[in-house]
C-alpha cells in the first residue's frame, strides 16, 4: 500500500498526467485508490490481475477516461461481463 500511496502522490504533484498507466497484480488497488490515476487524456490502462477491480471500477473508468483506447483487465476476477453503454 505504501508504494501505491507514493505513486498517487507523484501523480497528484505532476502538472502533466501520464497517457499510459500500468498497475498489475496490485491486491490493494480499489476504486478509491484507482481514481487519482484516471483523467480525460488517458489512452492506455492496464489493471491486469487486480482482484478488487469490479463493475463499479469500470463505470468510474468510463466516466473519467473519455479518450481511453486500451483497457486491459486480464485476471480481474470480480468482473464477469462488461456492458457496452
Protein backbone atom coordinates (compact mmCIF):
# COMPACT_ATOMS: atom_id res chain seq x y z
CA UNK A 1 0.00 0.00 0.00
CA UNK A 2 2.94 2.31 0.68
CA UNK A 3 4.12 2.11 -2.94
CA UNK A 4 0.60 2.79 -4.22
CA UNK A 5 0.26 5.84 -1.96
CA UNK A 6 3.61 7.13 -3.19
CA UNK A 7 2.50 6.73 -6.81
CA UNK A 8 -0.74 8.58 -6.07
CA UNK A 9 1.21 11.43 -4.52
CA UNK A 10 3.57 11.57 -7.51
CA UNK A 11 0.65 11.67 -9.96
CA UNK A 12 -1.07 14.40 -7.94
CA UNK A 13 2.06 16.56 -7.97
CA UNK A 14 2.71 16.29 -11.71
CA UNK A 15 1.47 19.06 -13.96
CA UNK A 16 1.29 16.65 -16.90
CA UNK A 17 -0.52 13.37 -16.34
CA UNK A 18 0.79 10.18 -17.98
CA UNK A 19 -1.05 8.95 -21.07
CA UNK A 20 -0.30 5.32 -20.28
CA UNK A 21 -0.64 3.61 -16.89
CA UNK A 22 0.02 0.01 -15.96
CA UNK A 23 -0.77 -1.23 -12.45
CA UNK A 24 -0.64 -5.01 -12.50
CA UNK A 25 -1.08 -7.60 -9.78
CA UNK A 26 -1.97 -4.97 -7.17
CA UNK A 27 -4.07 -6.55 -4.44
CA UNK A 28 -4.74 -3.23 -2.68
CA UNK A 29 -5.94 -1.24 -5.70
CA UNK A 30 -9.63 -0.44 -5.29
CA UNK A 31 -11.98 2.26 -6.57
CA UNK A 32 -10.81 4.90 -4.11
CA UNK A 33 -7.13 4.38 -4.92
CA UNK A 34 -7.76 3.97 -8.66
CA UNK A 35 -9.42 7.37 -9.08
CA UNK A 36 -6.27 9.55 -8.76
CA UNK A 37 -4.73 7.76 -11.78
CA UNK A 38 -7.69 8.45 -14.08
CA UNK A 39 -8.02 11.52 -16.28
CA UNK A 40 -9.63 12.58 -19.56
CA UNK A 41 -6.45 12.23 -21.67
CA UNK A 42 -5.51 8.71 -20.54
CA UNK A 43 -5.30 6.39 -23.57
CA UNK A 44 -3.89 3.14 -22.11
CA UNK A 45 -4.75 1.48 -18.80
CA UNK A 46 -3.63 -1.98 -17.70
CA UNK A 47 -5.13 -3.25 -14.45
CA UNK A 48 -4.44 -6.94 -15.06
CA UNK A 49 -4.64 -9.24 -12.04
CA UNK A 50 -6.01 -6.58 -9.68
CA UNK A 51 -8.60 -8.60 -7.74
CA UNK A 52 -10.55 -5.65 -6.31
CA UNK A 53 -11.45 -4.20 -9.72
CA UNK A 54 -15.20 -4.62 -10.18
CA UNK A 55 -18.13 -3.33 -12.25
CA UNK A 56 -18.15 -0.04 -10.33
CA UNK A 57 -14.47 0.39 -11.27
CA UNK A 58 -15.41 0.08 -14.95
CA UNK A 59 -18.07 2.76 -14.56
CA UNK A 60 -15.54 5.07 -12.87
CA UNK A 61 -13.03 4.48 -15.68
CA UNK A 62 -15.71 5.09 -18.31
CA UNK A 63 -16.72 8.37 -16.66
CA UNK A 64 -13.19 9.73 -16.18
CA UNK A 65 -11.28 8.45 -19.24
CA UNK A 66 -13.15 9.63 -22.32
CA UNK A 67 -10.16 9.09 -24.68
CA UNK A 68 -9.20 5.63 -23.41
CA UNK A 69 -8.28 3.32 -26.31
CA UNK A 70 -6.87 0.27 -24.47
CA UNK A 71 -8.15 -1.21 -21.22
CA UNK A 72 -6.60 -4.48 -20.04
CA UNK A 73 -8.40 -6.37 -17.28
CA UNK A 74 -6.96 -9.88 -17.57
CA UNK A 75 -7.32 -11.78 -14.31
CA UNK A 76 -9.68 -9.28 -12.65
CA UNK A 77 -11.76 -11.97 -11.03
CA UNK A 78 -14.65 -9.78 -9.80
CA UNK A 79 -15.58 -8.96 -13.40
CA UNK A 80 -17.89 -11.39 -15.13
CA UNK A 81 -19.09 -9.23 -18.04
CA UNK A 82 -18.64 -5.70 -19.30
CA UNK A 83 -21.71 -3.99 -20.69
CA UNK A 84 -21.39 -1.51 -23.53
CA UNK A 85 -23.40 1.63 -22.79
